[in-house]
Amino acid sequence: MNDHFDKELDFFSIGVIDAHTYISERLKNAVEANGLMGWVFTPTTKLVVE
């Protein structure tokens, strides 16, 4: 990530670098709190946003 990355994004993909879609902990918690079904969350250790 660089200084131009919007750290407030809740849903994003990196594109050319990898094909995964990432969500924020905030969005994950909202999905779970509202009982939305059909989502599978897998934690990543490869992505660090500071």
PDB file of N, CA and C in Angstrom:
ATOM      1  N   MET A   1       0.844  -1.169   0.000  1.00  0.00           N
ATOM      2  CA  MET A   1       0.000   0.000   0.000  1.00  0.00           C
ATOM      3  C   MET A   1       0.893   1.237   0.000  1.00  0.00           C
ATOM      4  N   ASN A   2       0.359   2.303  -0.560  1.00  0.00           N
ATOM      5  CA  ASN A   2       1.128   3.540  -0.545  1.00  0.00           C
ATOM      6  C   ASN A   2       0.325   4.638   0.142  1.00  0.00           C
ATOM      7  N   ASP A   3       0.863   5.818   0.179  1.00  0.00           N
ATOM      8  CA  ASP A   3       0.226   6.940   0.879  1.00  0.00           C
ATOM      9  C   ASP A   3      -1.103   7.346   0.248  1.00  0.00           C
ATOM     10  N   HIS A   4      -1.375   6.923  -0.980  1.00  0.00           N
ATOM     11  CA  HIS A   4      -2.605   7.301  -1.673  1.00  0.00           C
ATOM     12  C   HIS A   4      -3.757   6.333  -1.406  1.00  0.00           C
ATOM     13  N   PHE A   5      -3.491   5.215  -0.738  1.00  0.00           N
ATOM     14  CA  PHE A   5      -4.543   4.236  -0.453  1.00  0.00           C
ATOM     15  C   PHE A   5      -5.527   4.803   0.565  1.00  0.00           C
ATOM     16  N   ASP A   6      -6.807   4.722   0.259  1.00  0.00           N
ATOM     17  CA  ASP A   6      -7.864   5.211   1.147  1.00  0.00           C
ATOM     18  C   ASP A   6      -8.134   4.171   2.232  1.00  0.00           C
ATOM     19  N   LYS A   7      -7.628   4.405   3.413  1.00  0.00           N
ATOM     20  CA  LYS A   7      -7.744   3.442   4.508  1.00  0.00           C
ATOM     21  C   LYS A   7      -9.146   3.354   5.078  1.00  0.00           C
ATOM     22  N   GLU A   8     -10.067   4.175   4.614  1.00  0.00           N
ATOM     23  CA  GLU A   8     -11.455   4.136   5.066  1.00  0.00           C
ATOM     24  C   GLU A   8     -12.322   3.211   4.210  1.00  0.00           C
ATOM     25  N   LEU A   9     -11.763   2.622   3.154  1.00  0.00           N
ATOM     26  CA  LEU A   9     -12.528   1.716   2.302  1.00  0.00           C
ATOM     27  C   LEU A   9     -12.933   0.473   3.084  1.00  0.00           C
ATOM     28  N   ASP A  10     -14.159   0.012   2.838  1.00  0.00           N
ATOM     29  CA  ASP A  10     -14.643  -1.198   3.492  1.00  0.00           C
ATOM     30  C   ASP A  10     -14.613  -2.406   2.567  1.00  0.00           C
ATOM     31  N   PHE A  11     -14.493  -2.185   1.268  1.00  0.00           N
ATOM     32  CA  PHE A  11     -14.566  -3.270   0.283  1.00  0.00           C
ATOM     33  C   PHE A  11     -13.658  -2.888  -0.877  1.00  0.00           C
ATOM     34  N   PHE A  12     -12.644  -3.696  -1.170  1.00  0.00           N
ATOM     35  CA  PHE A  12     -11.731  -3.350  -2.257  1.00  0.00           C
ATOM     36  C   PHE A  12     -10.998  -4.579  -2.772  1.00  0.00           C
ATOM     37  N   SER A  13     -10.458  -4.459  -3.959  1.00  0.00           N
ATOM     38  CA  SER A  13      -9.570  -5.479  -4.510  1.00  0.00           C
ATOM     39  C   SER A  13      -8.309  -4.777  -4.981  1.00  0.00           C
ATOM     40  N   ILE A  14      -7.240  -5.524  -5.075  1.00  0.00           N
ATOM     41  CA  ILE A  14      -5.965  -4.940  -5.478  1.00  0.00           C
ATOM     42  C   ILE A  14      -5.795  -5.026  -6.991  1.00  0.00           C
ATOM     43  N   GLY A  15      -6.384  -6.021  -7.606  1.00  0.00           N
ATOM     44  CA  GLY A  15      -6.368  -6.121  -9.061  1.00  0.00           C
ATOM     45  C   GLY A  15      -5.231  -6.948  -9.600  1.00  0.00           C
ATOM     46  N   VAL A  16      -4.321  -6.306 -10.297  1.00  0.00           N
ATOM     47  CA  VAL A  16      -3.241  -6.998 -11.005  1.00  0.00           C
ATOM     48  C   VAL A  16      -2.368  -7.822 -10.055  1.00  0.00           C
ATOM     49  N   ILE A  17      -2.159  -7.331  -8.862  1.00  0.00           N
ATOM     50  CA  ILE A  17      -1.266  -8.002  -7.912  1.00  0.00           C
ATOM     51  C   ILE A  17      -1.852  -9.315  -7.413  1.00  0.00           C
ATOM     52  N   ASP A  18      -3.135  -9.329  -7.064  1.00  0.00           N
ATOM     53  CA  ASP A  18      -3.803 -10.571  -6.678  1.00  0.00           C
ATOM     54  C   ASP A  18      -5.300 -10.474  -6.981  1.00  0.00           C
ATOM     55  N   ALA A  19      -5.960 -11.598  -6.996  1.00  0.00           N
ATOM     56  CA  ALA A  19      -7.361 -11.658  -7.424  1.00  0.00           C
ATOM     57  C   ALA A  19      -8.343 -11.682  -6.254  1.00  0.00           C
ATOM     58  N   HIS A  20      -7.871 -11.513  -5.040  1.00  0.00           N
ATOM     59  CA  HIS A  20      -8.753 -11.570  -3.880  1.00  0.00           C
ATOM     60  C   HIS A  20      -9.525 -10.263  -3.698  1.00  0.00           C
ATOM     61  N   THR A  21     -10.663 -10.368  -3.036  1.00  0.00           N
ATOM     62  CA  THR A  21     -11.429  -9.201  -2.621  1.00  0.00           C
ATOM     63  C   THR A  21     -11.284  -9.088  -1.112  1.00  0.00           C
ATOM     64  N   TYR A  22     -11.040  -7.888  -0.636  1.00  0.00           N
ATOM     65  CA  TYR A  22     -10.812  -7.653   0.779  1.00  0.00           C
ATOM     66  C   TYR A  22     -11.916  -6.779   1.356  1.00  0.00           C
ATOM     67  N   ILE A  23     -12.252  -7.021   2.629  1.00  0.00           N
ATOM     68  CA  ILE A  23     -13.203  -6.168   3.323  1.00  0.00           C
ATOM     69  C   ILE A  23     -12.590  -5.754   4.655  1.00  0.00           C
ATOM     70  N   SER A  24     -13.095  -4.664   5.186  1.00  0.00           N
ATOM     71  CA  SER A  24     -12.606  -4.191   6.478  1.00  0.00           C
ATOM     72  C   SER A  24     -13.227  -5.007   7.608  1.00  0.00           C
ATOM     73  N   GLU A  25     -12.592  -4.940   8.749  1.00  0.00           N
ATOM     74  CA  GLU A  25     -13.148  -5.573   9.946  1.00  0.00           C
ATOM     75  C   GLU A  25     -14.503  -4.946  10.268  1.00  0.00           C
ATOM     76  N   ARG A  26     -14.621  -3.653  10.009  1.00  0.00           N
ATOM     77  CA  ARG A  26     -15.883  -2.937  10.252  1.00  0.00           C
ATOM     78  C   ARG A  26     -17.014  -3.521   9.419  1.00  0.00           C
ATOM     79  N   LEU A  27     -16.768  -3.779   8.132  1.00  0.00           N
ATOM     80  CA  LEU A  27     -17.800  -4.370   7.270  1.00  0.00           C
ATOM     81  C   LEU A  27     -18.094  -5.802   7.691  1.00  0.00           C
ATOM     82  N   LYS A  28     -17.068  -6.562   7.999  1.00  0.00           N
ATOM     83  CA  LYS A  28     -17.264  -7.945   8.461  1.00  0.00           C
ATOM     84  C   LYS A  28     -18.172  -7.967   9.683  1.00  0.00           C
ATOM     85  N   ASN A  29     -17.897  -7.088  10.647  1.00  0.00           N
ATOM     86  CA  ASN A  29     -18.709  -7.038  11.858  1.00  0.00           C
ATOM     87  C   ASN A  29     -20.145  -6.640  11.554  1.00  0.00           C
ATOM     88  N   ALA A  30     -20.357  -5.712  10.623  1.00  0.00           N
ATOM     89  CA  ALA A  30     -21.709  -5.280  10.256  1.00  0.00           C
ATOM     90  C   ALA A  30     -22.474  -6.409   9.573  1.00  0.00           C
ATOM     91  N   VAL A  31     -21.806  -7.156   8.703  1.00  0.00           N
ATOM     92  CA  VAL A  31     -22.439  -8.302   8.031  1.00  0.00           C
ATOM     93  C   VAL A  31     -22.892  -9.319   9.068  1.00  0.00           C
ATOM     94  N   GLU A  32     -22.020  -9.647   9.994  1.00  0.00           N
ATOM     95  CA  GLU A  32     -22.349 -10.630  11.036  1.00  0.00           C
ATOM     96  C   GLU A  32     -23.442 -10.118  11.973  1.00  0.00           C
ATOM     97  N   ALA A  33     -23.360  -8.851  12.378  1.00  0.00           N
ATOM     98  CA  ALA A  33     -24.330  -8.278  13.308  1.00  0.00           C
ATOM     99  C   ALA A  33     -25.732  -8.223  12.712  1.00  0.00           C
ATOM    100  N   ASN A  34     -25.810  -8.099  11.384  1.00  0.00           N
ATOM    101  CA  ASN A  34     -27.110  -8.002  10.730  1.00  0.00           C
ATOM    102  C   ASN A  34     -27.610  -9.330  10.194  1.00  0.00           C
ATOM    103  N   GLY A  35     -26.891 -10.399  10.495  1.00  0.00           N
ATOM    104  CA  GLY A  35     -27.343 -11.738  10.141  1.00  0.00           C
ATOM    105  C   GLY A  35     -27.359 -12.039   8.651  1.00  0.00           C
ATOM    106  N   LEU A  36     -26.538 -11.347   7.869  1.00  0.00           N
ATOM    107  CA  LEU A  36     -26.487 -11.614   6.427  1.00  0.00           C
ATOM    108  C   LEU A  36     -25.871 -12.982   6.185  1.00  0.00           C
ATOM    109  N   MET A  37     -26.462 -13.746   5.302  1.00  0.00           N
ATOM    110  CA  MET A  37     -26.045 -15.120   5.057  1.00  0.00           C
ATOM    111  C   MET A  37     -25.259 -15.225   3.747  1.00  0.00           C
ATOM    112  N   GLY A  38     -24.465 -16.284   3.630  1.00  0.00           N
ATOM    113  CA  GLY A  38     -23.772 -16.570   2.379  1.00  0.00           C
ATOM    114  C   GLY A  38     -22.373 -16.000   2.270  1.00  0.00           C
ATOM    115  N   TRP A  39     -21.889 -15.384   3.304  1.00  0.00           N
ATOM    116  CA  TRP A  39     -20.542 -14.830   3.300  1.00  0.00           C
ATOM    117  C   TRP A  39     -19.593 -15.803   3.988  1.00  0.00           C
ATOM    118  N   VAL A  40     -18.411 -15.957   3.434  1.00  0.00           N
ATOM    119  CA  VAL A  40     -17.361 -16.759   4.066  1.00  0.00           C
ATOM    120  C   VAL A  40     -16.153 -15.837   4.211  1.00  0.00           C
ATOM    121  N   PHE A  41     -15.710 -15.655   5.434  1.00  0.00           N
ATOM    122  CA  PHE A  41     -14.585 -14.767   5.706  1.00  0.00           C
ATOM    123  C   PHE A  41     -13.341 -15.588   5.997  1.00  0.00           C
ATOM    124  N   THR A  42     -12.253 -15.237   5.338  1.00  0.00           N
ATOM    125  CA  THR A  42     -10.971 -15.887   5.565  1.00  0.00           C
ATOM    126  C   THR A  42      -9.959 -14.799   5.913  1.00  0.00           C
ATOM    127  N   PRO A  43      -9.432 -14.813   7.120  1.00  0.00           N
ATOM    128  CA  PRO A  43      -8.445 -13.789   7.495  1.00  0.00           C
ATOM    129  C   PRO A  43      -7.206 -13.867   6.604  1.00  0.00           C
ATOM    130  N   THR A  44      -6.629 -12.720   6.348  1.00  0.00           N
ATOM    131  CA  THR A  44      -5.402 -12.689   5.566  1.00  0.00           C
ATOM    132  C   THR A  44      -4.237 -12.244   6.446  1.00  0.00           C
ATOM    133  N   THR A  45      -3.098 -12.798   6.168  1.00  0.00           N
ATOM    134  CA  THR A  45      -1.881 -12.359   6.857  1.00  0.00           C
ATOM    135  C   THR A  45      -0.933 -11.694   5.868  1.00  0.00           C
ATOM    136  N   LYS A  46      -1.352 -11.611   4.610  1.00  0.00           N
ATOM    137  CA  LYS A  46      -0.497 -11.076   3.552  1.00  0.00           C
ATOM    138  C   LYS A  46      -0.687  -9.592   3.325  1.00  0.00           C
ATOM    139  N   LEU A  47      -1.719  -9.010   3.905  1.00  0.00           N
ATOM    140  CA  LEU A  47      -2.057  -7.618   3.639  1.00  0.00           C
ATOM    141  C   LEU A  47      -1.998  -6.838   4.946  1.00  0.00           C
ATOM    142  N   VAL A  48      -1.225  -5.767   4.951  1.00  0.00           N
ATOM    143  CA  VAL A  48      -1.106  -4.930   6.137  1.00  0.00           C
ATOM    144  C   VAL A  48      -1.413  -3.495   5.731  1.00  0.00           C
ATOM    145  N   VAL A  49      -2.401  -2.897   6.392  1.00  0.00           N
ATOM    146  CA  VAL A  49      -2.743  -1.496   6.169  1.00  0.00           C
ATOM    147  C   VAL A  49      -2.464  -0.771   7.462  1.00  0.00           C
ATOM    148  N   GLU A  50      -1.551   0.159   7.394  1.00  0.00           N
ATOM    149  CA  GLU A  50      -1.165   0.898   8.607  1.00  0.00           C
ATOM    150  C   GLU A  50      -1.673   2.314   8.549  1.00  0.00           C
TER     151      GLU A  50
END
